[in-house]
Amino acid sequence: MIQHYSDPRRARDPYSLPDIETFQLTAAEVAERDEEVLHKYSKRHEFRLGTLDRRVRERMLETIVREHDIKGGWFFWYCLPGCMPSSEPFGPYESERAALEEARKQAGVEA
């Protein structure tokens, strides 16, 4: 994960910390974050061993991605170094730059 300042001018302030992290997730990693959907699919007969067998879990995730048209890409969330994120991930975006620009826009800072 790459850390950024929501306001790039704060980077020169020795008492300021970065407050945005950007990162990439695959479509399967995005699907894995939705516990409700995982639980629902693990009830299906063909995926009942998804918590025990890696191959079954991979097939389950592939099915979730396909059936829900989930996309991977660049994401961001608000987070201070060493702390848990203060938001869910926002995204996906085509590039890290697009994710960072949107994060700054949402924070009220024009890039």
C-alpha atoms as a PDB file:
ATOM      1  CA  MET A   1       0.000   0.000   0.000  1.00  0.00           C
ATOM      2  CA  ILE A   2       1.209   3.423  -0.914  1.00  0.00           C
ATOM      3  CA  GLN A   3       0.581   6.329   1.436  1.00  0.00           C
ATOM      4  CA  HIS A   4      -0.356   9.814   0.263  1.00  0.00           C
ATOM      5  CA  TYR A   5      -1.442  13.133   1.716  1.00  0.00           C
ATOM      6  CA  SER A   6      -4.984  14.241   0.962  1.00  0.00           C
ATOM      7  CA  ASP A   7      -3.510  17.738   0.671  1.00  0.00           C
ATOM      8  CA  PRO A   8      -0.069  17.474  -0.966  1.00  0.00           C
ATOM      9  CA  ARG A   9       0.983  20.796   0.616  1.00  0.00           C
ATOM     10  CA  ARG A  10       0.945  19.062   4.023  1.00  0.00           C
ATOM     11  CA  ALA A  11       3.829  16.806   2.929  1.00  0.00           C
ATOM     12  CA  ARG A  12       6.289  19.567   3.858  1.00  0.00           C
ATOM     13  CA  ASP A  13       4.865  19.886   7.385  1.00  0.00           C
ATOM     14  CA  PRO A  14       7.057  17.776   9.728  1.00  0.00           C
ATOM     15  CA  TYR A  15       4.064  17.287  12.073  1.00  0.00           C
ATOM     16  CA  SER A  16       1.700  15.985   9.397  1.00  0.00           C
ATOM     17  CA  LEU A  17       1.063  12.381   8.414  1.00  0.00           C
ATOM     18  CA  PRO A  18      -0.215  10.864   5.168  1.00  0.00           C
ATOM     19  CA  ASP A  19      -3.913  10.046   5.421  1.00  0.00           C
ATOM     20  CA  ILE A  20      -4.708   8.124   2.220  1.00  0.00           C
ATOM     21  CA  GLU A  21      -3.563   4.684   1.078  1.00  0.00           C
ATOM     22  CA  THR A  22      -3.849   3.458  -2.506  1.00  0.00           C
ATOM     23  CA  PHE A  23      -3.648  -0.198  -3.452  1.00  0.00           C
ATOM     24  CA  GLN A  24      -4.581  -2.726  -6.110  1.00  0.00           C
ATOM     25  CA  LEU A  25      -7.015  -5.614  -5.694  1.00  0.00           C
ATOM     26  CA  THR A  26      -7.841  -8.380  -8.132  1.00  0.00           C
ATOM     27  CA  ALA A  27     -11.492  -9.148  -8.844  1.00  0.00           C
ATOM     28  CA  ALA A  28     -11.221 -12.268  -6.644  1.00  0.00           C
ATOM     29  CA  GLU A  29      -9.807 -10.189  -3.763  1.00  0.00           C
ATOM     30  CA  VAL A  30     -12.719  -7.761  -4.112  1.00  0.00           C
ATOM     31  CA  ALA A  31     -15.175 -10.675  -4.043  1.00  0.00           C
ATOM     32  CA  GLU A  32     -13.463 -12.108  -0.967  1.00  0.00           C
ATOM     33  CA  ARG A  33     -14.171  -8.914   0.985  1.00  0.00           C
ATOM     34  CA  ASP A  34     -17.965  -9.402   0.770  1.00  0.00           C
ATOM     35  CA  GLU A  35     -18.712 -11.785   3.632  1.00  0.00           C
ATOM     36  CA  GLU A  36     -22.448 -11.932   2.916  1.00  0.00           C
ATOM     37  CA  VAL A  37     -21.921 -13.086  -0.663  1.00  0.00           C
ATOM     38  CA  LEU A  38     -19.252 -15.590   0.420  1.00  0.00           C
ATOM     39  CA  HIS A  39     -21.626 -17.029   2.997  1.00  0.00           C
ATOM     40  CA  LYS A  40     -24.455 -17.255   0.451  1.00  0.00           C
ATOM     41  CA  TYR A  41     -22.270 -19.055  -2.120  1.00  0.00           C
ATOM     42  CA  SER A  42     -20.751 -21.401   0.472  1.00  0.00           C
ATOM     43  CA  LYS A  43     -24.288 -22.749   0.990  1.00  0.00           C
ATOM     44  CA  ARG A  44     -24.441 -23.902  -2.645  1.00  0.00           C
ATOM     45  CA  HIS A  45     -23.869 -27.620  -3.031  1.00  0.00           C
ATOM     46  CA  GLU A  46     -20.902 -27.309  -5.403  1.00  0.00           C
ATOM     47  CA  PHE A  47     -19.071 -24.942  -3.017  1.00  0.00           C
ATOM     48  CA  ARG A  48     -19.847 -26.561   0.347  1.00  0.00           C
ATOM     49  CA  LEU A  49     -16.142 -27.371   0.855  1.00  0.00           C
ATOM     50  CA  GLY A  50     -15.035 -23.840  -0.057  1.00  0.00           C
ATOM     51  CA  THR A  51     -13.769 -23.153   3.456  1.00  0.00           C
ATOM     52  CA  LEU A  52     -11.634 -26.304   3.473  1.00  0.00           C
ATOM     53  CA  ASP A  53     -10.412 -26.788  -0.076  1.00  0.00           C
ATOM     54  CA  ARG A  54      -8.437 -24.056  -1.851  1.00  0.00           C
ATOM     55  CA  ARG A  55      -9.471 -25.225  -5.333  1.00  0.00           C
ATOM     56  CA  VAL A  56     -13.163 -25.208  -4.427  1.00  0.00           C
ATOM     57  CA  ARG A  57     -12.765 -21.724  -2.930  1.00  0.00           C
ATOM     58  CA  GLU A  58     -11.048 -20.484  -6.110  1.00  0.00           C
ATOM     59  CA  ARG A  59     -13.892 -21.868  -8.246  1.00  0.00           C
ATOM     60  CA  MET A  60     -16.403 -20.232  -5.900  1.00  0.00           C
ATOM     61  CA  LEU A  61     -14.625 -16.874  -6.180  1.00  0.00           C
ATOM     62  CA  GLU A  62     -14.444 -17.190  -9.983  1.00  0.00           C
ATOM     63  CA  THR A  63     -18.197 -17.831 -10.030  1.00  0.00           C
ATOM     64  CA  ILE A  64     -18.901 -14.845  -7.767  1.00  0.00           C
ATOM     65  CA  VAL A  65     -16.748 -12.581  -9.951  1.00  0.00           C
ATOM     66  CA  ARG A  66     -18.478 -13.758 -13.125  1.00  0.00           C
ATOM     67  CA  GLU A  67     -22.059 -13.707 -11.790  1.00  0.00           C
ATOM     68  CA  HIS A  68     -21.703 -10.320 -10.057  1.00  0.00           C
ATOM     69  CA  ASP A  69     -19.484  -8.754 -12.750  1.00  0.00           C
ATOM     70  CA  ILE A  70     -16.881  -7.752 -10.152  1.00  0.00           C
ATOM     71  CA  LYS A  71     -13.867  -5.819 -11.388  1.00  0.00           C
ATOM     72  CA  GLY A  72     -10.417  -5.425  -9.917  1.00  0.00           C
ATOM     73  CA  GLY A  73      -8.297  -2.299 -10.107  1.00  0.00           C
ATOM     74  CA  TRP A  74      -6.962   0.513  -7.967  1.00  0.00           C
ATOM     75  CA  PHE A  75      -8.663   1.433  -4.698  1.00  0.00           C
ATOM     76  CA  PHE A  76      -8.133   3.929  -1.904  1.00  0.00           C
ATOM     77  CA  TRP A  77      -9.201   4.416   1.666  1.00  0.00           C
ATOM     78  CA  TYR A  78      -8.548   6.974   4.349  1.00  0.00           C
ATOM     79  CA  CYS A  79      -6.018   5.732   6.874  1.00  0.00           C
ATOM     80  CA  LEU A  80      -3.284   7.141   9.089  1.00  0.00           C
ATOM     81  CA  PRO A  81       0.002   5.188   9.295  1.00  0.00           C
ATOM     82  CA  GLY A  82      -0.202   2.329  11.779  1.00  0.00           C
ATOM     83  CA  CYS A  83      -3.976   2.650  12.154  1.00  0.00           C
ATOM     84  CA  MET A  84      -6.926   0.720  10.830  1.00  0.00           C
ATOM     85  CA  PRO A  85      -8.628   2.331   7.824  1.00  0.00           C
ATOM     86  CA  SER A  86     -11.358   4.814   8.680  1.00  0.00           C
ATOM     87  CA  SER A  87     -13.370   3.902   5.578  1.00  0.00           C
ATOM     88  CA  GLU A  88     -14.186   1.015   3.292  1.00  0.00           C
ATOM     89  CA  PRO A  89     -12.205   0.880   0.044  1.00  0.00           C
ATOM     90  CA  PHE A  90     -13.412   3.148  -2.750  1.00  0.00           C
ATOM     91  CA  GLY A  91     -12.995   1.906  -6.296  1.00  0.00           C
ATOM     92  CA  PRO A  92     -12.111   0.317  -8.591  1.00  0.00           C
ATOM     93  CA  TYR A  93     -10.294   2.923 -10.666  1.00  0.00           C
ATOM     94  CA  GLU A  94      -8.308   2.437 -13.860  1.00  0.00           C
ATOM     95  CA  SER A  95      -5.068   3.740 -12.361  1.00  0.00           C
ATOM     96  CA  GLU A  96      -3.496   4.742  -9.091  1.00  0.00           C
ATOM     97  CA  ARG A  97      -3.524   8.347 -10.271  1.00  0.00           C
ATOM     98  CA  ALA A  98      -7.302   8.233 -10.864  1.00  0.00           C
ATOM     99  CA  ALA A  99      -7.862   6.731  -7.393  1.00  0.00           C
ATOM    100  CA  LEU A 100      -5.687   9.384  -5.737  1.00  0.00           C
ATOM    101  CA  GLU A 101      -7.379  12.222  -7.633  1.00  0.00           C
ATOM    102  CA  GLU A 102     -10.798  10.970  -6.511  1.00  0.00           C
ATOM    103  CA  ALA A 103      -9.598  10.584  -2.904  1.00  0.00           C
ATOM    104  CA  ARG A 104      -8.369  14.182  -2.878  1.00  0.00           C
ATOM    105  CA  LYS A 105     -11.562  15.389  -4.523  1.00  0.00           C
ATOM    106  CA  GLN A 106     -13.660  13.623  -1.866  1.00  0.00           C
ATOM    107  CA  ALA A 107     -11.442  15.144   0.829  1.00  0.00           C
ATOM    108  CA  GLY A 108     -12.158  18.586  -0.616  1.00  0.00           C
ATOM    109  CA  VAL A 109      -8.715  19.128  -2.135  1.00  0.00           C
ATOM    110  CA  GLU A 110      -8.388  19.727  -5.857  1.00  0.00           C
ATOM    111  CA  ALA A 111      -5.372  17.896  -7.291  1.00  0.00           C
END
